[in-house]
Structure formats: structure tokens, C-alpha cells
C-alpha atoms as a PDB file:
ATOM      1  CA  MET A   1      16.496 -33.030 -20.467  1.00  0.00           C
ATOM      2  CA  ALA A   2      19.100 -30.900 -18.667  1.00  0.00           C
ATOM      3  CA  PRO A   3      16.887 -27.803 -18.293  1.00  0.00           C
ATOM      4  CA  SER A   4      14.025 -29.905 -16.866  1.00  0.00           C
ATOM      5  CA  VAL A   5      16.326 -31.575 -14.317  1.00  0.00           C
ATOM      6  CA  SER A   6      17.735 -28.182 -13.342  1.00  0.00           C
ATOM      7  CA  SER A   7      14.225 -26.781 -13.006  1.00  0.00           C
ATOM      8  CA  PHE A   8      13.163 -29.744 -10.848  1.00  0.00           C
ATOM      9  CA  ARG A   9      16.159 -29.354  -8.566  1.00  0.00           C
ATOM     10  CA  GLY A  10      15.546 -25.615  -8.256  1.00  0.00           C
ATOM     11  CA  GLU A  11      11.919 -26.177  -7.275  1.00  0.00           C
ATOM     12  CA  LEU A  12      12.900 -28.894  -4.828  1.00  0.00           C
ATOM     13  CA  ARG A  13      15.357 -26.514  -3.121  1.00  0.00           C
ATOM     14  CA  HIS A  14      12.591 -23.909  -3.011  1.00  0.00           C
ATOM     15  CA  LEU A  15      10.186 -26.360  -1.335  1.00  0.00           C
ATOM     16  CA  LEU A  16      12.793 -27.252   1.307  1.00  0.00           C
ATOM     17  CA  ARG A  17      12.639 -23.733   2.699  1.00  0.00           C
ATOM     18  CA  PRO A  18      11.347 -23.540   6.310  1.00  0.00           C
ATOM     19  CA  TYR A  19       8.074 -21.865   5.221  1.00  0.00           C
ATOM     20  CA  TYR A  20       6.994 -24.878   3.161  1.00  0.00           C
ATOM     21  CA  VAL A  21       8.332 -27.535   5.538  1.00  0.00           C
ATOM     22  CA  VAL A  22       6.598 -26.026   8.593  1.00  0.00           C
ATOM     23  CA  ASN A  23       3.332 -25.497   6.721  1.00  0.00           C
ATOM     24  CA  ILE A  24       3.302 -29.077   5.441  1.00  0.00           C
ATOM     25  CA  VAL A  25       3.832 -30.306   9.015  1.00  0.00           C
ATOM     26  CA  LEU A  26       0.987 -28.090  10.283  1.00  0.00           C
ATOM     27  CA  CYS A  27      -1.333 -29.236   7.491  1.00  0.00           C
ATOM     28  CA  LEU A  28      -0.711 -32.932   8.179  1.00  0.00           C
ATOM     29  CA  SER A  29      -0.582 -32.652  11.970  1.00  0.00           C
ATOM     30  CA  PHE A  30      -4.138 -33.714  12.856  1.00  0.00           C
ATOM     31  CA  LEU A  31      -4.196 -36.604  10.390  1.00  0.00           C
ATOM     32  CA  VAL A  32      -0.884 -37.969  11.696  1.00  0.00           C
ATOM     33  CA  LEU A  33      -1.606 -37.436  15.390  1.00  0.00           C
ATOM     34  CA  LYS A  34      -5.075 -38.982  15.139  1.00  0.00           C
ATOM     35  CA  THR A  35      -4.129 -42.084  13.119  1.00  0.00           C
ATOM     36  CA  VAL A  36      -0.552 -42.990  14.065  1.00  0.00           C
ATOM     37  CA  MET A  37       0.479 -44.823  17.221  1.00  0.00           C
ATOM     38  CA  PRO A  38       1.486 -43.899  19.869  1.00  0.00           C
ATOM     39  CA  PHE A  39       0.322 -40.286  19.326  1.00  0.00           C
ATOM     40  CA  CYS A  40      -3.358 -41.160  18.959  1.00  0.00           C
ATOM     41  CA  SER A  41      -3.505 -43.170  22.177  1.00  0.00           C
ATOM     42  CA  MET A  42      -1.693 -40.467  24.140  1.00  0.00           C
ATOM     43  CA  LEU A  43      -3.542 -37.405  22.835  1.00  0.00           C
ATOM     44  CA  PHE A  44      -7.071 -38.637  22.182  1.00  0.00           C
ATOM     45  CA  PRO A  45      -9.544 -40.583  24.369  1.00  0.00           C
ATOM     46  CA  ILE A  46      -8.837 -44.304  24.256  1.00  0.00           C
ATOM     47  CA  LYS A  47     -11.550 -46.121  22.336  1.00  0.00           C
ATOM     48  CA  GLU A  48     -11.690 -49.233  20.260  1.00  0.00           C
ATOM     49  CA  ASP A  49     -11.234 -47.111  17.174  1.00  0.00           C
ATOM     50  CA  SER A  50      -9.119 -44.396  18.806  1.00  0.00           C
ATOM     51  CA  CYS A  51      -6.606 -44.453  15.957  1.00  0.00           C
ATOM     52  CA  GLU A  52      -9.180 -43.943  13.221  1.00  0.00           C
ATOM     53  CA  LEU A  53     -10.966 -40.871  11.947  1.00  0.00           C
ATOM     54  CA  ASP A  54     -14.643 -40.648  12.811  1.00  0.00           C
ATOM     55  CA  MET A  55     -17.343 -39.852  10.259  1.00  0.00           C
ATOM     56  CA  ARG A  56     -17.368 -36.077  10.935  1.00  0.00           C
ATOM     57  CA  GLU A  57     -13.570 -35.837  10.678  1.00  0.00           C
ATOM     58  CA  ASN A  58     -13.664 -37.680   7.367  1.00  0.00           C
ATOM     59  CA  GLU A  59     -16.336 -35.269   6.135  1.00  0.00           C
ATOM     60  CA  VAL A  60     -14.234 -32.240   7.077  1.00  0.00           C
ATOM     61  CA  LEU A  61     -11.120 -33.629   5.371  1.00  0.00           C
ATOM     62  CA  PHE A  62     -13.101 -34.633   2.259  1.00  0.00           C
ATOM     63  CA  PHE A  63     -14.612 -31.148   2.053  1.00  0.00           C
ATOM     64  CA  LEU A  64     -11.105 -29.680   2.479  1.00  0.00           C
ATOM     65  CA  LEU A  65      -9.839 -31.814  -0.423  1.00  0.00           C
ATOM     66  CA  ILE A  66     -12.613 -30.519  -2.689  1.00  0.00           C
ATOM     67  CA  VAL A  67     -11.970 -26.877  -1.699  1.00  0.00           C
ATOM     68  CA  VAL A  68      -8.217 -27.174  -2.231  1.00  0.00           C
ATOM     69  CA  MET A  69      -8.685 -28.783  -5.646  1.00  0.00           C
ATOM     70  CA  MET A  70     -11.105 -26.064  -6.751  1.00  0.00           C
ATOM     71  CA  ARG A  71      -8.985 -23.201  -5.441  1.00  0.00           C
ATOM     72  CA  SER A  72      -5.766 -24.668  -6.840  1.00  0.00           C
ATOM     73  CA  ARG A  73      -7.211 -24.541 -10.341  1.00  0.00           C
ATOM     74  CA  LYS A  74      -7.759 -20.801  -9.888  1.00  0.00           C
ATOM     75  CA  THR A  75      -4.809 -19.727  -7.758  1.00  0.00           C
ATOM     76  CA  GLY A  76      -2.109 -22.214  -8.742  1.00  0.00           C
ATOM     77  CA  SER A  77      -1.767 -20.346 -11.976  1.00  0.00           C
ATOM     78  CA  THR A  78       1.981 -20.624 -12.419  1.00  0.00           C
ATOM     79  CA  GLY A  79       1.740 -24.410 -12.565  1.00  0.00           C
ATOM     80  CA  THR A  80       4.540 -24.967 -10.013  1.00  0.00           C
ATOM     81  CA  ALA A  81       4.350 -27.189  -6.950  1.00  0.00           C
ATOM     82  CA  ALA A  82       4.977 -24.150  -4.738  1.00  0.00           C
ATOM     83  CA  SER A  83       1.968 -22.292  -6.163  1.00  0.00           C
ATOM     84  CA  TYR A  84      -0.360 -25.250  -5.628  1.00  0.00           C
ATOM     85  CA  LEU A  85       0.864 -25.757  -2.063  1.00  0.00           C
ATOM     86  CA  SER A  86       0.578 -22.064  -1.199  1.00  0.00           C
ATOM     87  CA  SER A  87      -2.999 -21.920  -2.448  1.00  0.00           C
ATOM     88  CA  GLY A  88      -3.997 -24.817  -0.163  1.00  0.00           C
ATOM     89  CA  PHE A  89      -2.078 -24.097   3.035  1.00  0.00           C
ATOM     90  CA  VAL A  90      -4.588 -21.666   4.564  1.00  0.00           C
ATOM     91  CA  TYR A  91      -7.585 -23.938   3.926  1.00  0.00           C
ATOM     92  CA  ALA A  92      -5.767 -26.973   5.295  1.00  0.00           C
ATOM     93  CA  LYS A  93      -4.681 -25.151   8.455  1.00  0.00           C
ATOM     94  CA  VAL A  94      -8.204 -23.821   9.082  1.00  0.00           C
ATOM     95  CA  ALA A  95      -9.560 -27.364   8.715  1.00  0.00           C
ATOM     96  CA  ASN A  96      -6.936 -28.629  11.181  1.00  0.00           C
ATOM     97  CA  LEU A  97      -7.867 -25.857  13.593  1.00  0.00           C
ATOM     98  CA  ILE A  98     -11.538 -26.900  13.480  1.00  0.00           C
ATOM     99  CA  LEU A  99     -10.659 -30.564  13.989  1.00  0.00           C
ATOM    100  CA  PHE A 100      -8.350 -29.870  16.942  1.00  0.00           C
ATOM    101  CA  PHE A 101     -10.943 -27.625  18.622  1.00  0.00           C
ATOM    102  CA  ARG A 102     -13.592 -30.312  18.074  1.00  0.00           C
ATOM    103  CA  ALA A 103     -11.368 -32.968  19.660  1.00  0.00           C
ATOM    104  CA  ASP A 104     -10.219 -30.798  22.586  1.00  0.00           C
ATOM    105  CA  PRO A 105     -10.325 -26.971  22.925  1.00  0.00           C
ATOM    106  CA  ARG A 106      -6.879 -27.071  24.542  1.00  0.00           C
ATOM    107  CA  TYR A 107      -5.402 -28.689  21.423  1.00  0.00           C
ATOM    108  CA  GLY A 108      -7.195 -26.076  19.333  1.00  0.00           C
ATOM    109  CA  LEU A 109      -5.630 -23.224  21.307  1.00  0.00           C
ATOM    110  CA  VAL A 110      -2.145 -24.748  20.995  1.00  0.00           C
ATOM    111  CA  TYR A 111      -2.620 -25.191  17.252  1.00  0.00           C
ATOM    112  CA  LEU A 112      -3.944 -21.632  16.914  1.00  0.00           C
ATOM    113  CA  LEU A 113      -0.813 -20.351  18.664  1.00  0.00           C
ATOM    114  CA  LEU A 114       1.419 -22.342  16.286  1.00  0.00           C
ATOM    115  CA  PHE A 115      -0.666 -21.062  13.347  1.00  0.00           C
ATOM    116  CA  ILE A 116      -0.095 -17.432  14.421  1.00  0.00           C
ATOM    117  CA  LEU A 117       3.613 -17.920  15.186  1.00  0.00           C
ATOM    118  CA  GLN A 118       4.194 -19.448  11.762  1.00  0.00           C
ATOM    119  CA  ALA A 119       2.453 -16.520  10.058  1.00  0.00           C
ATOM    120  CA  ILE A 120       4.587 -14.014  11.992  1.00  0.00           C
ATOM    121  CA  LEU A 121       7.964 -15.746  11.972  1.00  0.00           C
ATOM    122  CA  LEU A 122       7.839 -17.614   8.641  1.00  0.00           C
ATOM    123  CA  PRO A 123       5.993 -15.575   6.003  1.00  0.00           C
ATOM    124  CA  GLU A 124       5.856 -16.890   2.449  1.00  0.00           C
ATOM    125  CA  PRO A 125       9.186 -16.391   0.613  1.00  0.00           C
ATOM    126  CA  THR A 126       9.052 -13.557  -1.889  1.00  0.00           C
ATOM    127  CA  TYR A 127      10.834 -13.271  -5.209  1.00  0.00           C
ATOM    128  CA  LYS A 128      14.209 -11.533  -4.825  1.00  0.00           C
ATOM    129  CA  GLY A 129      15.505 -11.743  -8.370  1.00  0.00           C
ATOM    130  CA  PRO A 130      15.941  -8.908 -10.868  1.00  0.00           C
ATOM    131  CA  GLU A 131      12.978  -6.964 -12.211  1.00  0.00           C
ATOM    132  CA  LYS A 132      12.412  -3.932 -14.409  1.00  0.00           C
ATOM    133  CA  ILE A 133       8.965  -2.842 -13.270  1.00  0.00           C
ATOM    134  CA  ILE A 134       7.471   0.610 -12.714  1.00  0.00           C
ATOM    135  CA  TYR A 135       4.833   0.641  -9.957  1.00  0.00           C
ATOM    136  CA  PHE A 136       1.994   3.044 -10.643  1.00  0.00           C
ATOM    137  CA  ARG A 137      -0.244   4.836  -8.179  1.00  0.00           C
ATOM    138  CA  SER A 138      -3.810   6.045  -8.673  1.00  0.00           C
ATOM    139  CA  ASN A 139      -3.538   8.296 -11.750  1.00  0.00           C
ATOM    140  CA  GLY A 140       0.021   7.384 -12.747  1.00  0.00           C
ATOM    141  CA  LEU A 141      -0.901   4.847 -15.412  1.00  0.00           C
ATOM    142  CA  LYS A 142      -3.547   7.081 -16.967  1.00  0.00           C
ATOM    143  CA  GLU A 143      -1.121   9.991 -17.178  1.00  0.00           C
ATOM    144  CA  GLU A 144       1.551   7.775 -18.727  1.00  0.00           C
ATOM    145  CA  LEU A 145      -0.811   6.375 -21.370  1.00  0.00           C
ATOM    146  CA  GLU A 146      -2.106   9.842 -22.238  1.00  0.00           C
ATOM    147  CA  LEU A 147       1.424  10.796 -23.331  1.00  0.00           C
ATOM    148  CA  ARG A 148       0.912   8.376 -26.258  1.00  0.00           C
ATOM    149  CA  ALA A 149       4.632   8.216 -27.034  1.00  0.00           C
ATOM    150  CA  ASP A 150       5.187   6.925 -30.567  1.00  0.00           C
ATOM    151  CA  GLY A 151       6.404   3.341 -30.665  1.00  0.00           C
ATOM    152  CA  LEU A 152       6.147   2.884 -26.886  1.00  0.00           C
ATOM    153  CA  THR A 153       4.653  -0.369 -25.615  1.00  0.00           C
ATOM    154  CA  TRP A 154       3.545  -0.977 -22.048  1.00  0.00           C
ATOM    155  CA  VAL A 155       2.803  -4.390 -20.534  1.00  0.00           C
ATOM    156  CA  VAL A 156       0.940  -3.746 -17.283  1.00  0.00           C
ATOM    157  CA  ALA A 157      -0.094  -6.224 -14.587  1.00  0.00           C
ATOM    158  CA  PHE A 158      -3.191  -5.327 -12.579  1.00  0.00           C
ATOM    159  CA  TYR A 159      -3.071  -7.130  -9.250  1.00  0.00           C
ATOM    160  CA  ALA A 160      -4.256  -7.166  -5.629  1.00  0.00           C
ATOM    161  CA  ALA A 161      -1.943  -7.792  -2.705  1.00  0.00           C
ATOM    162  CA  TRP A 162      -4.469 -10.151  -1.062  1.00  0.00           C
ATOM    163  CA  SER A 163      -4.879 -12.404  -4.116  1.00  0.00           C
ATOM    164  CA  PRO A 164      -2.944 -15.733  -4.000  1.00  0.00           C
ATOM    165  CA  ALA A 165      -3.011 -15.892  -7.807  1.00  0.00           C
ATOM    166  CA  CYS A 166      -1.350 -12.465  -7.997  1.00  0.00           C
ATOM    167  CA  ILE A 167       1.256 -13.479  -5.428  1.00  0.00           C
ATOM    168  CA  ASN A 168       2.071 -16.605  -7.443  1.00  0.00           C
ATOM    169  CA  PHE A 169       2.298 -14.604 -10.665  1.00  0.00           C
ATOM    170  CA  ALA A 170       4.585 -11.895  -9.233  1.00  0.00           C
ATOM    171  CA  PRO A 171       7.921 -13.737  -9.783  1.00  0.00           C
ATOM    172  CA  VAL A 172       6.856 -14.739 -13.304  1.00  0.00           C
ATOM    173  CA  PHE A 173       6.119 -11.135 -14.265  1.00  0.00           C
ATOM    174  CA  SER A 174       9.355  -9.955 -12.644  1.00  0.00           C
ATOM    175  CA  LYS A 175      11.416 -12.438 -14.699  1.00  0.00           C
ATOM    176  CA  ILE A 176       9.657 -11.420 -17.911  1.00  0.00           C
ATOM    177  CA  SER A 177      10.208  -7.717 -17.196  1.00  0.00           C
ATOM    178  CA  SER A 178      13.917  -8.304 -16.601  1.00  0.00           C
ATOM    179  CA  ALA A 179      14.316 -10.339 -19.803  1.00  0.00           C
ATOM    180  CA  TYR A 180      12.343  -8.129 -22.215  1.00  0.00           C
ATOM    181  CA  ASN A 181      12.658  -4.592 -20.858  1.00  0.00           C
ATOM    182  CA  LEU A 182      13.673  -1.885 -23.349  1.00  0.00           C
ATOM    183  CA  PRO A 183      13.302   1.917 -23.407  1.00  0.00           C
ATOM    184  CA  ASN A 184      10.342   1.407 -25.778  1.00  0.00           C
ATOM    185  CA  LEU A 185       9.044  -1.835 -24.207  1.00  0.00           C
ATOM    186  CA  LYS A 186       8.225  -1.190 -20.568  1.00  0.00           C
ATOM    187  CA  PHE A 187       6.589  -3.164 -17.776  1.00  0.00           C
ATOM    188  CA  GLY A 188       4.367  -1.788 -15.043  1.00  0.00           C
ATOM    189  CA  LYS A 189       2.172  -2.903 -12.165  1.00  0.00           C
ATOM    190  CA  ILE A 190      -0.712  -1.303 -10.312  1.00  0.00           C
ATOM    191  CA  ASP A 191      -2.548  -2.542  -7.219  1.00  0.00           C
ATOM    192  CA  VAL A 192      -6.232  -2.408  -8.154  1.00  0.00           C
ATOM    193  CA  GLY A 193      -7.068  -3.735  -4.694  1.00  0.00           C
ATOM    194  CA  ARG A 194      -5.777  -0.410  -3.395  1.00  0.00           C
ATOM    195  CA  TYR A 195      -6.985   1.633  -6.402  1.00  0.00           C
ATOM    196  CA  PRO A 196     -10.279  -0.062  -7.454  1.00  0.00           C
ATOM    197  CA  GLU A 197     -11.205   2.939  -9.608  1.00  0.00           C
ATOM    198  CA  VAL A 198      -8.328   1.992 -11.928  1.00  0.00           C
ATOM    199  CA  GLY A 199      -9.747  -1.522 -12.172  1.00  0.00           C
ATOM    200  CA  ASP A 200     -13.167  -0.111 -13.041  1.00  0.00           C
ATOM    201  CA  GLU A 201     -11.619   2.104 -15.712  1.00  0.00           C
ATOM    202  CA  HIS A 202     -10.087  -0.950 -17.385  1.00  0.00           C
ATOM    203  CA  HIS A 203     -13.128  -3.204 -16.820  1.00  0.00           C
ATOM    204  CA  ILE A 204     -11.458  -5.373 -14.190  1.00  0.00           C
ATOM    205  CA  ASN A 205     -13.602  -6.864 -11.426  1.00  0.00           C
ATOM    206  CA  THR A 206     -11.753  -6.602  -8.085  1.00  0.00           C
ATOM    207  CA  SER A 207     -14.221  -8.473  -5.852  1.00  0.00           C
ATOM    208  CA  PRO A 208     -12.955 -11.397  -3.689  1.00  0.00           C
ATOM    209  CA  LEU A 209     -14.635 -13.884  -6.057  1.00  0.00           C
ATOM    210  CA  THR A 210     -13.190 -12.378  -9.225  1.00  0.00           C
ATOM    211  CA  ARG A 211     -11.460 -14.436 -11.896  1.00  0.00           C
ATOM    212  CA  GLN A 212      -9.792 -11.334 -13.353  1.00  0.00           C
ATOM    213  CA  LEU A 213      -6.874 -11.079 -10.934  1.00  0.00           C
ATOM    214  CA  PRO A 214      -4.246 -10.878 -12.108  1.00  0.00           C
ATOM    215  CA  THR A 215      -4.986  -9.197 -15.444  1.00  0.00           C
ATOM    216  CA  VAL A 216      -2.182  -8.311 -17.857  1.00  0.00           C
ATOM    217  CA  ILE A 217      -2.880  -5.690 -20.524  1.00  0.00           C
ATOM    218  CA  MET A 218      -0.652  -4.542 -23.384  1.00  0.00           C
ATOM    219  CA  PHE A 219      -0.876  -0.899 -24.424  1.00  0.00           C
ATOM    220  CA  GLN A 220       0.690   0.362 -27.652  1.00  0.00           C
ATOM    221  CA  ASP A 221       0.720   4.076 -28.404  1.00  0.00           C
ATOM    222  CA  GLY A 222      -1.550   4.540 -25.385  1.00  0.00           C
ATOM    223  CA  LYS A 223      -4.237   2.106 -26.560  1.00  0.00           C
ATOM    224  CA  GLU A 224      -5.079  -1.379 -25.334  1.00  0.00           C
ATOM    225  CA  THR A 225      -4.087  -4.020 -27.891  1.00  0.00           C
ATOM    226  CA  GLY A 226      -4.495  -7.216 -25.877  1.00  0.00           C
ATOM    227  CA  ARG A 227      -5.186  -8.658 -22.447  1.00  0.00           C
ATOM    228  CA  VAL A 228      -5.278 -11.860 -20.442  1.00  0.00           C
ATOM    229  CA  PRO A 229      -7.527 -13.248 -19.224  1.00  0.00           C
ATOM    230  CA  ALA A 230      -9.617 -12.277 -22.243  1.00  0.00           C
ATOM    231  CA  ILE A 231     -13.308 -11.470 -21.943  1.00  0.00           C
ATOM    232  CA  LEU A 232     -15.536 -12.988 -24.626  1.00  0.00           C
ATOM    233  CA  ASN A 233     -19.302 -12.406 -24.642  1.00  0.00           C
ATOM    234  CA  GLY A 234     -19.067 -11.108 -21.098  1.00  0.00           C
ATOM    235  CA  LYS A 235     -17.308 -14.246 -19.817  1.00  0.00           C
ATOM    236  CA  VAL A 236     -13.780 -14.333 -18.421  1.00  0.00           C
ATOM    237  CA  GLN A 237     -11.718 -16.915 -20.295  1.00  0.00           C
ATOM    238  CA  LYS A 238      -9.491 -19.289 -18.358  1.00  0.00           C
ATOM    239  CA  PHE A 239      -5.779 -18.518 -18.616  1.00  0.00           C
ATOM    240  CA  LEU A 240      -2.765 -20.119 -16.940  1.00  0.00           C
ATOM    241  CA  PHE A 241      -0.252 -17.424 -16.070  1.00  0.00           C
ATOM    242  CA  LYS A 242       2.873 -19.376 -16.938  1.00  0.00           C
ATOM    243  CA  GLU A 243       5.916 -17.562 -18.272  1.00  0.00           C
ATOM    244  CA  GLU A 244       5.780 -19.215 -21.689  1.00  0.00           C
ATOM    245  CA  ASP A 245       2.053 -18.508 -22.023  1.00  0.00           C
ATOM    246  CA  ILE A 246       2.533 -14.786 -21.357  1.00  0.00           C
ATOM    247  CA  VAL A 247       5.463 -14.639 -23.784  1.00  0.00           C
ATOM    248  CA  ASN A 248       3.524 -16.456 -26.522  1.00  0.00           C
ATOM    249  CA  THR A 249       0.223 -14.643 -26.020  1.00  0.00           C
ATOM    250  CA  PHE A 250       1.800 -11.202 -26.374  1.00  0.00           C
ATOM    251  CA  ASP A 251       4.417 -12.448 -28.880  1.00  0.00           C
ATOM    252  CA  LEU A 252       7.135 -10.857 -26.755  1.00  0.00           C
ATOM    253  CA  ASN A 253      10.042 -12.414 -28.627  1.00  0.00           C
ATOM    254  CA  ASN A 254       9.066 -10.815 -31.932  1.00  0.00           C
ATOM    255  CA  LEU A 255       7.956  -7.615 -30.225  1.00  0.00           C
ATOM    256  CA  TYR A 256      11.312  -7.357 -28.460  1.00  0.00           C
ATOM    257  CA  ALA A 257      13.177  -7.813 -31.752  1.00  0.00           C
ATOM    258  CA  GLU A 258      11.040  -5.155 -33.459  1.00  0.00           C
ATOM    259  CA  CYS A 259      11.481  -2.688 -30.604  1.00  0.00           C
ATOM    260  CA  LYS A 260      15.271  -3.092 -30.738  1.00  0.00           C
ATOM    261  CA  LYS A 261      15.217  -2.131 -34.423  1.00  0.00           C
ATOM    262  CA  ASP A 262      13.284   1.105 -33.792  1.00  0.00           C
ATOM    263  CA  LYS A 263      15.733   3.869 -34.753  1.00  0.00           C
ATOM    264  CA  ARG A 264      13.865   6.414 -32.643  1.00  0.00           C
ATOM    265  CA  TYR A 265      15.107   4.621 -29.523  1.00  0.00           C
ATOM    266  CA  ALA A 266      18.484   3.449 -30.832  1.00  0.00           C
ATOM    267  CA  ALA A 267      20.531   5.793 -28.617  1.00  0.00           C
ATOM    268  CA  LEU A 268      18.578   4.853 -25.482  1.00  0.00           C
ATOM    269  CA  ILE A 269      18.832   1.142 -26.253  1.00  0.00           C
ATOM    270  CA  GLN A 270      22.578   1.398 -26.790  1.00  0.00           C
ATOM    271  CA  LYS A 271      22.987   3.289 -23.520  1.00  0.00           C
ATOM    272  CA  MET A 272      20.942   0.662 -21.668  1.00  0.00           C
ATOM    273  CA  GLU A 273      23.019  -2.178 -23.116  1.00  0.00           C
ATOM    274  CA  GLU A 274      26.252  -0.440 -22.142  1.00  0.00           C
ATOM    275  CA  GLU A 275      25.002   0.057 -18.588  1.00  0.00           C
ATOM    276  CA  GLU A 276      23.983  -3.600 -18.312  1.00  0.00           C
ATOM    277  CA  LYS A 277      27.344  -4.730 -19.685  1.00  0.00           C
ATOM    278  CA  ALA A 278      29.178  -2.524 -17.184  1.00  0.00           C
ATOM    279  CA  ALA A 279      27.036  -3.889 -14.350  1.00  0.00           C
ATOM    280  CA  LYS A 280      27.824  -7.497 -15.319  1.00  0.00           C
ATOM    281  CA  GLU A 281      31.537  -6.774 -15.519  1.00  0.00           C
ATOM    282  CA  GLY A 282      31.377  -5.066 -12.146  1.00  0.00           C
ATOM    283  CA  LYS A 283      29.827  -8.194 -10.597  1.00  0.00           C
ATOM    284  CA  LYS A 284      32.562 -10.390 -12.083  1.00  0.00           C
ATOM    285  CA  THR A 285      35.323  -8.269 -10.554  1.00  0.00           C
ATOM    286  CA  GLN A 286      33.755  -8.365  -7.085  1.00  0.00           C
END
């Protein structure tokens, strides 16, 4: 019970950040202003039903609900409230923009200005915790895998900077890399949106409609030994990129234990542990 309460409180604090609060206000603005007194009577033409949504407005909001639900299933892959909200904010704000312009172009321009200011002044919060990730460029991953170092395992995330699903997965992968990193168990990332030829080489579709971003592949001794999402009979299998699912799919707990026992890397592992211990003690003395 305690871990779940702690997790809930942590997520609640995360959602109280200005980025989420302002976006929620922007997303609900038209609905509130059009249906709640006295805003509706002041801002919109006075009619008998001035504080109700008309048929076209209901259609737009219903269509928005369907789009958000569909996209959330694909992009809310970490299963957190923040990921689901982030995946729907853009669609909701575009719908609000259309509705405000339809009601009065002046309202639309004001909303567009607020939309732009929010994007500039309050970007989405990024993960700032520890990570042990090597970022590859065009041929970097290929060169590393061609070394085929004995006993070396790579877990590599293929992502695109424009993909909401990849953005949501980034903190999950960072936490995993920090928890399981060893000299013979390494974590890497490569932007296949920037280097699509790398995506092609590993059979990853990088189009805007793809269901393969992010893709996580494990390489052992330079060869692929597993990936998510898996591809069976040419179809991309659904996968939720939660921390526990990644850990279980690649059996990272057992892999980590086996890698620590590898005598070929014993000296490097000991050195790494000593450095981490010294770093922790240094933080305590500060």
C-alpha cells in the first residue's frame, strides 16, 4: 500500500506543475466559457440557448473525444496520468481554437496567442533524474555492434523527437538505464527520426503513422536477441512501455545478476561500484 500511495502523491505533484495546470485550463476554456454563467452571456450572442452548445460544437467535441481516446491508446504508453494528458493536449487545444474562431474570429486570435505563449513559456517538463545512456549518431551503433565484444549486452531505444510515445517513454528508459547499467550491460538511444537509414537497417518504420516508435532492441554479442514491439507475420504487436513490462520482457533482473558474475568484467564492475559509492558519500557530506 505504501509504495502505491507514494506513487500517487508523486504523480499528483507532477500534475500540479504549471505546464499541466495551464494546459488543462486552455483545453476546458471553450466548454466553460460557453456553458457557465455569466461568461456565456457576456462573451457570446444572447439567445434563448446562449449557455448551451449548438449541434456543430457538440460534433466537434465528440470527434475530439474519439481522437483523444484513440491516440491515448497509442501514445499514453507509460500508463501514467501525465502521459495520457500530454497525448491529448494538442488535439484539445486545436479543437478549442476551431470553436473560438467559429464563434468569433477575435476570440480565436486571442486563444491562438495564448496557445503560442504557452508553448514558448511553458514547454512540457522533461525528465531530470539520473541516466546511464549513450546517444548514438548515424553509424555509431553499427560500429559498436561490429566490435562484437564477448559478453557485452546492449539495450537500445530507437526513437523520434517528434513522437509523443517516445517522449513519454524517455523517463522510463532513463530510470531503467540508471538501475541496471553495468560495464557489460549498456543502454543506448538513437534518433531514427534524424537518422531514418538506421531505422531501415533495423526494420523500423519511421513514418508519422508508425506503431514502431519507440522500439527497444536487445543486442548480445552484436546480434539482435529480442525487441519490443515484436513483429509477428508482418504485424506490429501492441506493447505498453511501462517500466515493469520492459524489465520483465528482457528479463533484466536475471540478466543483471548474470552480468555481475562475469569474471571478464569483474575489475570494471568493482571500479564502477566504488565510484558510485564515493559519489553517494560525497552527496551526503554536502
